[in-house]
């Protein structure tokens, strides 16, 4: 969990340096959504105020950051969200 907390703190720093970031999930009440929100909170990020979370179909997730629709998405299938991998690389 130290790696997850460190990543969420990195995200918190990114949020402070940019306008509100947009994240995506496939369903508002999925396990992925719950894990994403818990992960954000672990870094001191309020998921209802500090970021914008939208719902997108899975087939649109990978291309949406490149198109500027979202800054990142949650892929929590392995227990720790892989989030902002594209945004942090920029």
N, C-alpha and C. Protein backbone atom coordinates (compact mmCIF):
# COMPACT_ATOMS: atom_id res chain seq x y z
N UNK A 1 0.80 -1.19 0.00
CA UNK A 1 0.00 0.00 0.00
C UNK A 1 0.85 1.27 0.00
N UNK A 2 2.12 1.17 0.36
CA UNK A 2 2.98 2.35 0.33
C UNK A 2 3.10 2.89 -1.08
N UNK A 3 3.20 2.01 -2.06
CA UNK A 3 3.28 2.45 -3.46
C UNK A 3 1.99 3.15 -3.88
N UNK A 4 0.85 2.63 -3.45
CA UNK A 4 -0.43 3.25 -3.79
C UNK A 4 -0.55 4.61 -3.13
N UNK A 5 -0.13 4.72 -1.88
CA UNK A 5 -0.21 6.01 -1.18
C UNK A 5 0.74 7.01 -1.83
N UNK A 6 1.93 6.58 -2.18
CA UNK A 6 2.89 7.46 -2.85
C UNK A 6 2.33 7.96 -4.18
N UNK A 7 1.70 7.06 -4.94
CA UNK A 7 1.12 7.45 -6.23
C UNK A 7 -0.02 8.43 -6.03
N UNK A 8 -0.85 8.23 -5.00
CA UNK A 8 -1.96 9.16 -4.79
C UNK A 8 -1.44 10.52 -4.31
N UNK A 9 -0.33 10.53 -3.60
CA UNK A 9 0.27 11.81 -3.21
C UNK A 9 0.87 12.53 -4.42
N UNK A 10 1.44 11.76 -5.34
CA UNK A 10 1.92 12.33 -6.61
C UNK A 10 0.77 12.97 -7.37
N UNK A 11 -0.36 12.28 -7.37
CA UNK A 11 -1.54 12.80 -8.03
C UNK A 11 -2.02 14.08 -7.35
N UNK A 12 -1.98 14.12 -6.02
CA UNK A 12 -2.38 15.32 -5.29
C UNK A 12 -1.51 16.51 -5.71
N UNK A 13 -0.22 16.28 -5.87
CA UNK A 13 0.68 17.35 -6.33
C UNK A 13 0.33 17.80 -7.74
N UNK A 14 -0.01 16.85 -8.59
CA UNK A 14 -0.41 17.17 -9.96
C UNK A 14 -1.68 18.01 -9.97
N UNK A 15 -2.62 17.67 -9.12
CA UNK A 15 -3.89 18.40 -9.04
C UNK A 15 -3.65 19.85 -8.65
N UNK A 16 -2.72 20.09 -7.76
CA UNK A 16 -2.44 21.45 -7.32
C UNK A 16 -1.83 22.30 -8.43
N UNK A 17 -1.18 21.66 -9.39
CA UNK A 17 -0.49 22.41 -10.45
C UNK A 17 -1.31 22.57 -11.72
N UNK A 18 -2.51 22.04 -11.77
CA UNK A 18 -3.34 22.08 -12.98
C UNK A 18 -4.78 22.46 -12.62
N UNK A 19 -5.54 22.83 -13.64
CA UNK A 19 -6.99 22.96 -13.40
C UNK A 19 -7.55 21.57 -13.07
N UNK A 20 -8.78 21.50 -12.72
CA UNK A 20 -9.38 20.23 -12.29
C UNK A 20 -9.14 19.12 -13.32
N UNK A 21 -8.72 17.97 -12.83
CA UNK A 21 -8.45 16.83 -13.69
C UNK A 21 -9.72 15.99 -13.84
N UNK A 22 -9.84 15.37 -15.00
CA UNK A 22 -11.00 14.52 -15.29
C UNK A 22 -10.54 13.07 -15.34
N UNK A 23 -11.17 12.24 -14.51
CA UNK A 23 -10.90 10.80 -14.47
C UNK A 23 -12.13 10.07 -15.00
N UNK A 24 -11.93 8.85 -15.41
CA UNK A 24 -13.06 8.07 -15.93
C UNK A 24 -13.13 6.71 -15.25
N UNK A 25 -14.35 6.23 -15.16
CA UNK A 25 -14.66 4.90 -14.67
C UNK A 25 -15.74 4.33 -15.58
N UNK A 26 -15.92 3.01 -15.55
CA UNK A 26 -16.92 2.40 -16.43
C UNK A 26 -18.32 2.38 -15.83
N UNK A 27 -18.43 2.51 -14.53
CA UNK A 27 -19.74 2.49 -13.88
C UNK A 27 -19.62 3.20 -12.53
N UNK A 28 -20.60 4.02 -12.17
CA UNK A 28 -20.48 4.78 -10.93
C UNK A 28 -20.51 3.93 -9.67
N UNK A 29 -21.07 2.72 -9.72
CA UNK A 29 -21.19 1.90 -8.52
C UNK A 29 -20.41 0.60 -8.62
N UNK A 30 -19.35 0.59 -9.43
CA UNK A 30 -18.53 -0.61 -9.58
C UNK A 30 -17.49 -0.69 -8.48
N UNK A 31 -16.90 -1.86 -8.34
CA UNK A 31 -15.79 -2.03 -7.40
C UNK A 31 -14.64 -1.10 -7.78
N UNK A 32 -14.39 -0.95 -9.08
CA UNK A 32 -13.33 -0.04 -9.54
C UNK A 32 -13.58 1.38 -9.05
N UNK A 33 -14.83 1.81 -9.08
CA UNK A 33 -15.17 3.16 -8.65
C UNK A 33 -14.91 3.33 -7.15
N UNK A 34 -15.28 2.32 -6.38
CA UNK A 34 -15.06 2.37 -4.92
C UNK A 34 -13.56 2.40 -4.62
N UNK A 35 -12.80 1.56 -5.30
CA UNK A 35 -11.35 1.52 -5.08
C UNK A 35 -10.72 2.85 -5.50
N UNK A 36 -11.15 3.40 -6.62
CA UNK A 36 -10.63 4.69 -7.08
C UNK A 36 -10.86 5.76 -6.02
N UNK A 37 -12.07 5.83 -5.50
CA UNK A 37 -12.40 6.85 -4.50
C UNK A 37 -11.60 6.64 -3.20
N UNK A 38 -11.44 5.40 -2.78
CA UNK A 38 -10.63 5.13 -1.58
C UNK A 38 -9.19 5.53 -1.81
N UNK A 39 -8.67 5.22 -3.00
CA UNK A 39 -7.28 5.54 -3.32
C UNK A 39 -7.06 7.04 -3.34
N UNK A 40 -8.00 7.77 -3.93
CA UNK A 40 -7.88 9.24 -3.95
C UNK A 40 -7.87 9.79 -2.53
N UNK A 41 -8.77 9.29 -1.70
CA UNK A 41 -8.83 9.76 -0.30
C UNK A 41 -7.53 9.46 0.45
N UNK A 42 -6.88 8.35 0.13
CA UNK A 42 -5.64 7.99 0.84
C UNK A 42 -4.53 9.00 0.58
N UNK A 43 -4.65 9.76 -0.50
CA UNK A 43 -3.67 10.81 -0.81
C UNK A 43 -4.16 12.20 -0.46
N UNK A 44 -5.27 12.27 0.29
CA UNK A 44 -5.81 13.56 0.69
C UNK A 44 -6.61 14.25 -0.40
N UNK A 45 -7.07 13.50 -1.39
CA UNK A 45 -7.83 14.05 -2.50
C UNK A 45 -9.31 13.76 -2.27
N UNK A 46 -10.14 14.79 -2.31
CA UNK A 46 -11.58 14.60 -2.17
C UNK A 46 -12.14 14.28 -3.55
N UNK A 47 -12.63 13.04 -3.77
CA UNK A 47 -13.08 12.65 -5.11
C UNK A 47 -14.32 13.42 -5.58
N UNK A 48 -15.02 14.07 -4.67
CA UNK A 48 -16.22 14.81 -5.06
C UNK A 48 -15.94 16.29 -5.31
N UNK A 49 -14.75 16.78 -4.93
CA UNK A 49 -14.44 18.20 -5.09
C UNK A 49 -13.14 18.46 -5.85
N UNK A 50 -12.14 17.62 -5.65
CA UNK A 50 -10.81 17.91 -6.19
C UNK A 50 -10.58 17.40 -7.61
N UNK A 51 -11.39 16.45 -8.05
CA UNK A 51 -11.29 15.90 -9.41
C UNK A 51 -12.70 15.75 -9.96
N UNK A 52 -12.78 15.56 -11.24
CA UNK A 52 -14.06 15.28 -11.91
C UNK A 52 -14.03 13.84 -12.36
N UNK A 53 -15.00 13.04 -11.96
CA UNK A 53 -15.06 11.63 -12.36
C UNK A 53 -16.25 11.46 -13.29
N UNK A 54 -15.97 10.96 -14.50
CA UNK A 54 -17.03 10.73 -15.48
C UNK A 54 -17.12 9.24 -15.79
N UNK A 55 -18.19 8.85 -16.44
CA UNK A 55 -18.41 7.46 -16.82
C UNK A 55 -18.21 7.33 -18.33
N UNK A 56 -17.38 6.37 -18.71
CA UNK A 56 -17.13 6.08 -20.13
C UNK A 56 -17.20 4.57 -20.35
N UNK A 57 -17.64 4.13 -21.51
CA UNK A 57 -17.59 2.71 -21.82
C UNK A 57 -16.13 2.24 -21.93
N UNK A 58 -15.87 0.99 -21.58
CA UNK A 58 -14.49 0.48 -21.60
C UNK A 58 -13.76 0.70 -22.92
N UNK A 59 -14.46 0.57 -24.03
CA UNK A 59 -13.80 0.70 -25.33
C UNK A 59 -13.31 2.12 -25.61
N UNK A 60 -13.75 3.10 -24.84
CA UNK A 60 -13.31 4.48 -25.04
C UNK A 60 -12.19 4.90 -24.09
N UNK A 61 -11.87 4.08 -23.11
CA UNK A 61 -10.91 4.46 -22.06
C UNK A 61 -9.51 4.75 -22.60
N UNK A 62 -8.97 3.88 -23.39
CA UNK A 62 -7.57 4.01 -23.80
C UNK A 62 -7.35 5.21 -24.72
N UNK A 63 -8.27 5.49 -25.60
CA UNK A 63 -8.11 6.57 -26.56
C UNK A 63 -8.48 7.95 -25.99
N UNK A 64 -9.30 7.97 -24.96
CA UNK A 64 -9.80 9.25 -24.42
C UNK A 64 -8.72 10.18 -23.86
N UNK A 65 -7.68 9.69 -23.18
CA UNK A 65 -6.62 10.62 -22.75
C UNK A 65 -5.91 11.28 -23.93
N UNK A 66 -5.66 10.51 -24.98
CA UNK A 66 -4.99 11.07 -26.17
C UNK A 66 -5.85 12.12 -26.86
N UNK A 67 -7.16 11.94 -26.76
CA UNK A 67 -8.09 12.88 -27.40
C UNK A 67 -8.41 14.07 -26.50
N UNK A 68 -7.90 14.09 -25.28
CA UNK A 68 -8.11 15.20 -24.37
C UNK A 68 -9.44 15.17 -23.65
N UNK A 69 -10.13 14.06 -23.71
CA UNK A 69 -11.43 13.94 -23.04
C UNK A 69 -11.24 13.72 -21.55
N UNK A 70 -10.26 12.89 -21.19
CA UNK A 70 -9.95 12.62 -19.78
C UNK A 70 -8.44 12.73 -19.58
N UNK A 71 -8.06 12.88 -18.32
CA UNK A 71 -6.64 12.91 -17.97
C UNK A 71 -6.14 11.53 -17.57
N UNK A 72 -7.02 10.65 -17.17
CA UNK A 72 -6.63 9.31 -16.78
C UNK A 72 -7.85 8.49 -16.41
N UNK A 73 -7.63 7.20 -16.18
CA UNK A 73 -8.73 6.32 -15.82
C UNK A 73 -8.24 5.29 -14.83
N UNK A 74 -9.18 4.70 -14.14
CA UNK A 74 -8.86 3.69 -13.14
C UNK A 74 -8.90 2.31 -13.77
N UNK A 75 -7.85 1.56 -13.50
CA UNK A 75 -7.80 0.16 -13.89
C UNK A 75 -7.45 -0.60 -12.63
N UNK A 76 -8.44 -0.82 -11.79
CA UNK A 76 -8.20 -1.36 -10.46
C UNK A 76 -8.31 -2.88 -10.41
N UNK A 77 -8.15 -3.53 -11.52
CA UNK A 77 -8.31 -4.98 -11.56
C UNK A 77 -7.28 -5.74 -10.73
N UNK A 78 -6.16 -5.12 -10.43
CA UNK A 78 -5.09 -5.81 -9.72
C UNK A 78 -4.96 -5.36 -8.27
N UNK A 79 -5.97 -4.68 -7.74
CA UNK A 79 -5.95 -4.28 -6.35
C UNK A 79 -5.49 -2.85 -6.13
N UNK A 80 -4.59 -2.35 -6.94
CA UNK A 80 -4.12 -0.96 -6.81
C UNK A 80 -4.44 -0.25 -8.11
N UNK A 81 -5.15 0.86 -8.04
CA UNK A 81 -5.49 1.54 -9.29
C UNK A 81 -4.25 1.99 -10.06
N UNK A 82 -4.23 1.67 -11.33
CA UNK A 82 -3.21 2.22 -12.22
C UNK A 82 -3.85 3.44 -12.83
N UNK A 83 -3.52 4.58 -12.28
CA UNK A 83 -4.23 5.79 -12.62
C UNK A 83 -3.26 6.85 -13.09
N UNK A 84 -3.64 7.59 -14.05
CA UNK A 84 -2.85 8.70 -14.54
C UNK A 84 -1.53 8.25 -15.13
N UNK A 85 -1.42 7.01 -15.53
CA UNK A 85 -0.18 6.59 -16.15
C UNK A 85 0.12 7.40 -17.39
N UNK A 86 -0.89 7.80 -18.13
CA UNK A 86 -0.66 8.62 -19.31
C UNK A 86 -0.42 10.08 -18.95
N UNK A 87 -1.16 10.60 -17.99
CA UNK A 87 -1.02 12.00 -17.59
C UNK A 87 0.32 12.26 -16.92
N UNK A 88 0.79 11.34 -16.10
CA UNK A 88 2.03 11.54 -15.39
C UNK A 88 3.24 11.45 -16.32
N UNK A 89 3.09 10.73 -17.43
CA UNK A 89 4.19 10.59 -18.38
C UNK A 89 4.38 11.84 -19.23
N UNK A 90 3.40 12.73 -19.24
CA UNK A 90 3.48 13.91 -20.11
C UNK A 90 4.34 14.99 -19.51
